[in-house]
Amino acid sequence: MKQTVRYLRTKDGLSLAWAKSGRGPPLVRASNWLTHLEYDWESPVWRHWTSFLAQNFQYVRYDERGCGMTDRRLGELSMASWTGDLEDVVDASEVTRPVILFSVSQGSAIAINYALQYPERVSRLVLYGGYAVGAKGCENKDYFESYQAIATLIRRGWNSENPVFRQLFTSRFIPDGTDEQLGWFNELCQRTTTPENAYRLMSARADIDIRERLSELRIPTLVLHADRDEVVPASEGRRLAAEIKGAEFVSLKTRNHILLEREPAWKDFCSAVLAFTSGLDAADDARRIFATLTNREQQVYTALCGGASNVKIAERLAISEKTVRNHLSSLFQKLGVHSRTEAIVLAREQDFRLS
């Protein structure tokens, strides 16, 4: 497998690195901490993840702001900026159909927020090891105190020559990891970001809270979580599954936050993801998108398929020609077409019920 690394400019002017590999249904991974696009590709911790996803999907991922191959400047750290970065990556990838949105850990809140903003761009949500509320809002106060202690340790020991400082942090992610895997993870800490960035990122994560919006999701969702996760409590995964309407939940028998290749939980994870995303095709995406069109957009689409010009559509609906053009532009973007002819052909092929 090979990947192509590219750069884009974020809305606030940062240089963000993203990569594409594989073929198949488009799957975009919302960023999570401790990644490096090139270093992960060969790592004993993430290599099987990238291999599995690139073998089964057109896999798009990116290093978040301040980390990996992305600009080490952080800029604003907020749900708005993180979601904006994901939006920029999806746009840059130029996929012409809704994506499977995949996330690990804190990336889940970003993925959910994006899906709420752009439901027509997302076909499925796959949330692994995620949470809706950060440590600051967690009901378990002991958990928040531990979180603060680790953040302080990161600030002071991240660049220490003695790896024991970092290992107190990394061993929670892969408690069953080998010495090689733990050593690699310790090195990743220093490769991916600076001590101050690490501290600011971890502190910002504590403020995440999208609990109030979970019930608004109407996208097929799969939630997977390690049953003895030492980084994100399993109760957080169950919360996601309980409050997202119709979500499926898979409990994985492991205490590793990052699943390791040789453990049974990894095979269970792969099987669940493939089963959940099987049968996805362009027709399914098109029908789902059509169902999200507004009444006005459907009226414009009906007139368009009936052969009406922009002038005639405007007269029929008592709106301006400029408004018609705006509706058509929105329609074309949602449906993944580029012309009136393509839109008409799509309606006929999918037997859209226009009225």
Protein backbone atom coordinates (compact mmCIF):
# COMPACT_ATOMS: atom_id res chain seq x y z
CA MET A 1 0.00 0.00 0.00
CA LYS A 2 1.12 3.53 -0.78
CA GLN A 3 -0.18 6.87 0.37
CA THR A 4 -0.05 10.38 -1.07
CA VAL A 5 0.60 13.19 1.40
CA ARG A 6 -0.64 16.68 0.58
CA TYR A 7 -1.04 20.01 2.39
CA LEU A 8 -3.88 22.47 2.67
CA ARG A 9 -4.29 25.87 4.29
CA THR A 10 -6.82 25.97 7.12
CA LYS A 11 -9.31 28.77 7.55
CA ASP A 12 -7.02 30.44 10.09
CA GLY A 13 -3.90 30.07 7.97
CA LEU A 14 -2.23 26.92 9.32
CA SER A 15 -0.56 24.34 7.07
CA LEU A 16 -2.34 21.01 7.62
CA ALA A 17 -0.99 17.67 6.31
CA TRP A 18 -3.42 15.05 5.01
CA ALA A 19 -3.03 11.75 3.17
CA LYS A 20 -5.04 9.48 0.90
CA SER A 21 -4.52 5.78 0.25
CA GLY A 22 -6.44 2.71 -0.92
CA ARG A 23 -9.56 2.27 -3.01
CA GLY A 24 -13.22 1.68 -2.26
CA PRO A 25 -15.95 3.62 -0.45
CA PRO A 26 -14.50 6.90 0.89
CA LEU A 27 -13.67 6.78 4.60
CA VAL A 28 -12.38 9.91 6.33
CA ARG A 29 -10.82 9.71 9.77
CA ALA A 30 -11.37 12.64 12.10
CA SER A 31 -8.08 13.56 13.71
CA ASN A 32 -7.01 12.21 17.07
CA TRP A 33 -3.93 12.97 19.07
CA LEU A 34 -0.58 11.22 18.70
CA THR A 35 -0.38 10.65 14.95
CA HIS A 36 2.29 11.18 12.32
CA LEU A 37 1.28 10.45 8.72
CA GLU A 38 4.62 8.95 7.73
CA TYR A 39 5.78 7.49 11.03
CA ASP A 40 2.44 5.70 11.64
CA TRP A 41 2.74 3.94 8.28
CA GLU A 42 5.61 1.79 9.57
CA SER A 43 4.74 1.63 13.25
CA PRO A 44 4.06 -1.59 15.22
CA VAL A 45 1.10 0.17 16.89
CA TRP A 46 -0.78 1.81 13.97
CA ARG A 47 0.47 -0.13 10.93
CA HIS A 48 -2.34 -2.74 11.00
CA TRP A 49 -4.93 0.05 11.32
CA THR A 50 -3.71 1.86 8.21
CA SER A 51 -3.36 -1.41 6.32
CA PHE A 52 -6.89 -2.59 7.14
CA LEU A 53 -8.52 0.73 6.33
CA ALA A 54 -6.54 1.31 3.11
CA GLN A 55 -7.26 -2.21 1.87
CA ASN A 56 -11.02 -1.81 2.25
CA PHE A 57 -11.65 1.89 1.70
CA GLN A 58 -10.40 5.03 0.03
CA TYR A 59 -8.79 6.11 3.29
CA VAL A 60 -8.29 9.80 4.08
CA ARG A 61 -6.60 10.94 7.30
CA TYR A 62 -4.70 13.95 8.60
CA ASP A 63 -2.41 15.13 11.37
CA GLU A 64 -4.25 17.57 13.61
CA ARG A 65 -3.04 21.10 14.22
CA GLY A 66 0.19 21.23 16.18
CA CYS A 67 1.08 17.58 15.52
CA GLY A 68 2.86 15.22 13.14
CA MET A 69 3.54 16.70 9.71
CA THR A 70 1.06 19.54 10.27
CA ASP A 71 2.08 23.07 11.28
CA ARG A 72 3.33 23.09 14.88
CA ARG A 73 1.45 26.30 15.54
CA LEU A 74 -1.83 25.52 17.26
CA GLY A 75 -3.99 28.53 16.58
CA GLU A 76 -7.42 28.29 18.19
CA LEU A 77 -8.26 25.03 19.95
CA SER A 78 -12.02 24.62 19.96
CA MET A 79 -14.76 22.42 18.56
CA ALA A 80 -15.26 25.00 15.82
CA SER A 81 -11.61 24.94 14.69
CA TRP A 82 -11.31 21.14 14.90
CA THR A 83 -14.53 20.69 12.91
CA GLY A 84 -13.35 23.30 10.41
CA ASP A 85 -10.13 21.33 9.86
CA LEU A 86 -12.14 18.17 9.16
CA GLU A 87 -14.32 20.12 6.75
CA ASP A 88 -11.22 21.40 4.92
CA VAL A 89 -9.85 17.86 4.57
CA VAL A 90 -13.13 16.47 3.20
CA ASP A 91 -13.27 19.33 0.70
CA ALA A 92 -9.63 18.85 -0.33
CA SER A 93 -10.09 15.10 -0.85
CA GLU A 94 -12.62 15.89 -3.61
CA VAL A 95 -14.79 12.85 -2.93
CA THR A 96 -18.02 13.06 -4.92
CA ARG A 97 -20.19 10.97 -2.62
CA PRO A 98 -20.97 10.94 1.10
CA VAL A 99 -18.15 9.59 3.25
CA ILE A 100 -17.95 7.05 6.02
CA LEU A 101 -16.77 9.18 8.93
CA PHE A 102 -14.44 7.25 11.24
CA SER A 103 -13.02 8.38 14.56
CA VAL A 104 -10.85 7.23 17.43
CA SER A 105 -11.01 8.66 20.97
CA GLN A 106 -11.48 12.46 21.03
CA GLY A 107 -12.02 12.45 17.27
CA SER A 108 -15.53 11.12 17.92
CA ALA A 109 -16.85 14.45 19.19
CA ILE A 110 -15.41 16.17 16.11
CA ALA A 111 -16.94 13.57 13.79
CA ILE A 112 -20.34 13.91 15.46
CA ASN A 113 -20.24 17.71 15.25
CA TYR A 114 -19.32 17.56 11.55
CA ALA A 115 -22.11 15.05 10.83
CA LEU A 116 -24.63 17.33 12.54
CA GLN A 117 -23.52 20.25 10.37
CA TYR A 118 -23.30 18.31 7.10
CA PRO A 119 -25.60 15.27 7.27
CA GLU A 120 -25.77 15.08 3.48
CA ARG A 121 -22.00 14.49 3.32
CA VAL A 122 -21.91 11.52 5.72
CA SER A 123 -23.19 8.02 4.90
CA ARG A 124 -22.13 6.24 8.12
CA LEU A 125 -20.51 7.10 11.45
CA VAL A 126 -18.02 4.68 13.04
CA LEU A 127 -16.97 5.81 16.53
CA TYR A 128 -14.25 3.87 18.36
CA GLY A 129 -13.16 4.55 21.94
CA GLY A 130 -14.94 7.89 21.86
CA TYR A 131 -16.71 10.23 24.24
CA ALA A 132 -19.17 13.12 24.17
CA VAL A 133 -17.89 14.93 27.26
CA GLY A 134 -14.29 15.67 28.25
CA ALA A 135 -12.66 15.09 31.61
CA LYS A 136 -13.79 18.44 33.03
CA GLY A 137 -17.45 17.51 32.65
CA CYS A 138 -17.04 13.88 33.65
CA GLU A 139 -19.17 12.80 36.59
CA ASN A 140 -16.22 10.90 38.07
CA LYS A 141 -14.15 13.63 39.75
CA ASP A 142 -11.28 11.23 40.46
CA TYR A 143 -10.97 10.76 36.70
CA PHE A 144 -10.64 14.53 36.16
CA GLU A 145 -7.99 14.82 38.89
CA SER A 146 -5.99 12.00 37.27
CA TYR A 147 -6.38 13.72 33.91
CA GLN A 148 -4.99 16.98 35.33
CA ALA A 149 -2.07 15.16 36.92
CA ILE A 150 -1.14 13.50 33.63
CA ALA A 151 -1.40 16.86 31.80
CA THR A 152 1.06 18.40 34.28
CA LEU A 153 3.39 15.42 33.91
CA ILE A 154 3.31 15.82 30.13
CA ARG A 155 4.33 19.47 30.36
CA ARG A 156 7.34 18.66 32.51
CA GLY A 157 8.49 15.25 31.30
CA TRP A 158 7.62 15.07 27.59
CA ASN A 159 11.15 15.77 26.39
CA SER A 160 12.98 14.09 29.25
CA GLU A 161 15.78 11.70 28.29
CA ASN A 162 14.29 9.29 30.82
CA PRO A 163 11.34 7.62 28.99
CA VAL A 164 9.64 6.73 32.27
CA PHE A 165 7.87 10.11 32.24
CA ARG A 166 6.27 9.46 28.86
CA GLN A 167 5.66 5.79 29.63
CA LEU A 168 3.36 6.71 32.52
CA PHE A 169 1.25 8.38 29.85
CA THR A 170 1.62 5.95 26.94
CA SER A 171 1.28 2.68 28.88
CA ARG A 172 -2.39 3.53 29.48
CA PHE A 173 -3.02 3.37 25.73
CA ILE A 174 -1.50 -0.08 25.21
CA PRO A 175 -1.13 -1.74 28.65
CA ASP A 176 -0.69 -5.11 26.91
CA GLY A 177 1.86 -3.79 24.44
CA THR A 178 5.30 -5.33 23.92
CA ASP A 179 8.50 -3.48 24.81
CA GLU A 180 8.90 -2.64 21.11
CA GLN A 181 5.41 -1.16 20.89
CA LEU A 182 5.78 0.83 24.09
CA GLY A 183 9.18 2.08 22.96
CA TRP A 184 7.73 3.18 19.63
CA PHE A 185 4.86 4.98 21.33
CA ASN A 186 7.26 6.79 23.65
CA GLU A 187 9.25 7.97 20.64
CA LEU A 188 6.07 9.06 18.86
CA CYS A 189 5.37 11.49 21.70
CA GLN A 190 8.51 13.44 20.93
CA ARG A 191 8.15 13.13 17.16
CA THR A 192 4.58 14.30 16.95
CA THR A 193 4.53 17.51 19.01
CA THR A 194 6.15 19.75 21.63
CA PRO A 195 5.59 19.58 25.41
CA GLU A 196 3.66 22.85 25.45
CA ASN A 197 1.47 21.79 22.53
CA ALA A 198 0.81 18.45 24.19
CA TYR A 199 -0.24 20.20 27.40
CA ARG A 200 -2.52 22.68 25.60
CA LEU A 201 -4.11 19.97 23.47
CA MET A 202 -4.83 17.75 26.45
CA SER A 203 -6.23 20.69 28.43
CA ALA A 204 -8.49 21.69 25.54
CA ARG A 205 -9.84 18.14 25.24
CA ALA A 206 -11.13 18.39 28.81
CA ASP A 207 -13.62 21.09 27.73
CA ILE A 208 -15.36 18.98 25.06
CA ASP A 209 -19.09 18.58 25.67
CA ILE A 210 -21.61 17.71 22.95
CA ARG A 211 -23.97 15.65 25.11
CA GLU A 212 -26.90 17.93 24.36
CA ARG A 213 -26.71 17.26 20.62
CA LEU A 214 -26.37 13.48 20.45
CA SER A 215 -30.12 12.94 20.11
CA GLU A 216 -30.16 15.11 16.96
CA LEU A 217 -28.09 12.65 14.91
CA ARG A 218 -29.98 10.78 12.21
CA ILE A 219 -27.07 8.98 10.54
CA PRO A 220 -26.46 5.21 10.88
CA THR A 221 -23.86 4.91 13.65
CA LEU A 222 -21.64 2.13 14.96
CA VAL A 223 -20.06 2.59 18.40
CA LEU A 224 -17.20 0.31 19.47
CA HIS A 225 -15.40 0.45 22.81
CA ALA A 226 -12.89 -1.59 24.80
CA ASP A 227 -14.65 -3.03 27.85
CA ARG A 228 -11.70 -2.20 30.15
CA ASP A 229 -10.38 0.89 28.40
CA GLU A 230 -7.87 2.66 30.66
CA VAL A 231 -7.97 5.96 28.74
CA VAL A 232 -11.67 6.51 28.02
CA PRO A 233 -14.08 4.70 30.36
CA ALA A 234 -16.36 2.16 28.67
CA SER A 235 -19.31 4.04 30.16
CA GLU A 236 -18.59 6.86 27.68
CA GLY A 237 -19.01 4.50 24.74
CA ARG A 238 -22.27 3.22 26.16
CA ARG A 239 -23.46 6.81 26.58
CA LEU A 240 -22.86 7.49 22.89
CA ALA A 241 -24.73 4.36 21.86
CA ALA A 242 -27.63 5.07 24.19
CA GLU A 243 -28.17 8.69 23.16
CA ILE A 244 -27.59 8.41 19.38
CA LYS A 245 -30.84 7.15 17.92
CA GLY A 246 -30.56 3.65 16.45
CA ALA A 247 -26.81 3.32 17.13
CA GLU A 248 -25.26 -0.14 17.23
CA PHE A 249 -22.88 -0.93 20.10
CA VAL A 250 -20.03 -3.44 20.10
CA SER A 251 -18.10 -4.14 23.30
CA LEU A 252 -14.55 -5.36 22.66
CA LYS A 253 -12.84 -7.60 25.21
CA THR A 254 -9.58 -5.76 25.83
CA ARG A 255 -8.01 -3.11 28.04
CA ASN A 256 -6.03 -1.56 25.16
CA HIS A 257 -7.27 1.82 24.02
CA ILE A 258 -5.38 1.25 20.77
CA LEU A 259 -6.18 -2.26 19.60
CA LEU A 260 -3.11 -4.41 18.91
CA GLU A 261 -2.87 -6.61 15.84
CA ARG A 262 -2.57 -10.01 17.53
CA GLU A 263 -5.41 -9.65 20.04
CA PRO A 264 -8.87 -11.14 19.29
CA ALA A 265 -10.50 -7.74 19.86
CA TRP A 266 -8.78 -6.42 16.72
CA LYS A 267 -10.38 -9.11 14.57
CA ASP A 268 -13.75 -8.40 16.19
CA PHE A 269 -13.30 -4.72 15.42
CA CYS A 270 -12.50 -5.37 11.73
CA SER A 271 -15.44 -7.74 11.34
CA ALA A 272 -17.87 -5.27 12.90
CA VAL A 273 -16.68 -2.36 10.74
CA LEU A 274 -16.87 -4.37 7.51
CA ALA A 275 -20.33 -5.69 8.35
CA PHE A 276 -21.60 -2.21 9.18
CA THR A 277 -20.24 -0.62 6.00
CA SER A 278 -21.04 -3.46 3.59
CA GLY A 279 -23.50 -2.76 0.79
CA LEU A 280 -22.63 0.91 0.61
CA ASP A 281 -22.79 2.08 -2.98
CA ALA A 282 -23.36 5.24 -4.92
CA ALA A 283 -27.05 4.49 -5.44
CA ASP A 284 -27.63 4.09 -1.71
CA ASP A 285 -25.82 7.38 -1.08
CA ALA A 286 -27.83 9.20 -3.75
CA ARG A 287 -31.17 8.02 -2.39
CA ARG A 288 -30.22 9.02 1.14
CA ILE A 289 -29.09 12.47 -0.01
CA PHE A 290 -32.27 12.98 -2.02
CA ALA A 291 -34.28 12.37 1.15
CA THR A 292 -32.44 15.30 2.83
CA LEU A 293 -33.40 17.87 0.17
CA THR A 294 -35.61 20.71 1.37
CA ASN A 295 -39.11 21.14 -0.07
CA ARG A 296 -37.91 24.09 -2.14
CA GLU A 297 -34.93 22.14 -3.47
CA GLN A 298 -37.24 19.30 -4.49
CA GLN A 299 -39.53 21.79 -6.24
CA VAL A 300 -36.58 23.20 -8.20
CA TYR A 301 -35.37 19.67 -8.99
CA THR A 302 -38.82 18.68 -10.25
CA ALA A 303 -38.98 21.67 -12.56
CA LEU A 304 -35.44 21.04 -13.75
CA CYS A 305 -36.23 17.42 -14.64
CA GLY A 306 -39.32 18.64 -16.46
CA GLY A 307 -37.11 20.63 -18.80
CA ALA A 308 -37.82 24.09 -17.39
CA SER A 309 -35.23 26.82 -17.80
CA ASN A 310 -34.06 28.96 -14.91
CA VAL A 311 -36.44 31.71 -16.04
CA LYS A 312 -39.41 29.33 -16.09
CA ILE A 313 -38.49 27.85 -12.70
CA ALA A 314 -38.31 31.36 -11.25
CA GLU A 315 -41.73 32.24 -12.66
CA ARG A 316 -43.33 29.01 -11.50
CA LEU A 317 -42.02 29.31 -7.94
CA ALA A 318 -42.26 33.11 -7.72
CA ILE A 319 -38.58 33.52 -6.85
CA SER A 320 -35.68 35.33 -8.52
CA GLU A 321 -33.38 33.76 -11.10
CA LYS A 322 -30.48 34.30 -8.71
CA THR A 323 -32.30 32.26 -6.07
CA VAL A 324 -32.88 29.52 -8.63
CA ARG A 325 -29.16 29.48 -9.44
CA ASN A 326 -28.32 29.25 -5.74
CA HIS A 327 -30.72 26.32 -5.27
CA LEU A 328 -29.24 24.54 -8.29
CA SER A 329 -25.71 25.06 -7.02
CA SER A 330 -26.69 23.57 -3.66
CA LEU A 331 -28.49 20.68 -5.38
CA PHE A 332 -25.53 19.84 -7.59
CA GLN A 333 -23.14 19.87 -4.64
CA LYS A 334 -25.37 17.62 -2.52
CA LEU A 335 -26.00 15.15 -5.34
CA GLY A 336 -22.37 15.08 -6.51
CA VAL A 337 -23.21 16.15 -10.07
CA HIS A 338 -21.84 18.97 -12.19
CA SER A 339 -24.56 19.80 -14.73
CA ARG A 340 -28.31 19.85 -15.36
CA THR A 341 -27.96 16.82 -17.60
CA GLU A 342 -26.20 14.77 -14.91
CA ALA A 343 -28.88 15.75 -12.37
CA ILE A 344 -31.67 14.65 -14.73
CA VAL A 345 -29.94 11.34 -15.53
CA LEU A 346 -29.43 10.66 -11.82
CA ALA A 347 -33.11 11.25 -11.09
CA ARG A 348 -34.11 8.78 -13.80
CA GLU A 349 -31.54 6.13 -12.82
CA GLN A 350 -32.54 6.23 -9.15
CA ASP A 351 -36.24 6.67 -9.84
CA PHE A 352 -36.50 9.66 -7.53
CA ARG A 353 -40.14 10.43 -6.72
CA LEU A 354 -40.35 14.03 -7.90
CA SER A 355 -43.61 15.95 -7.69
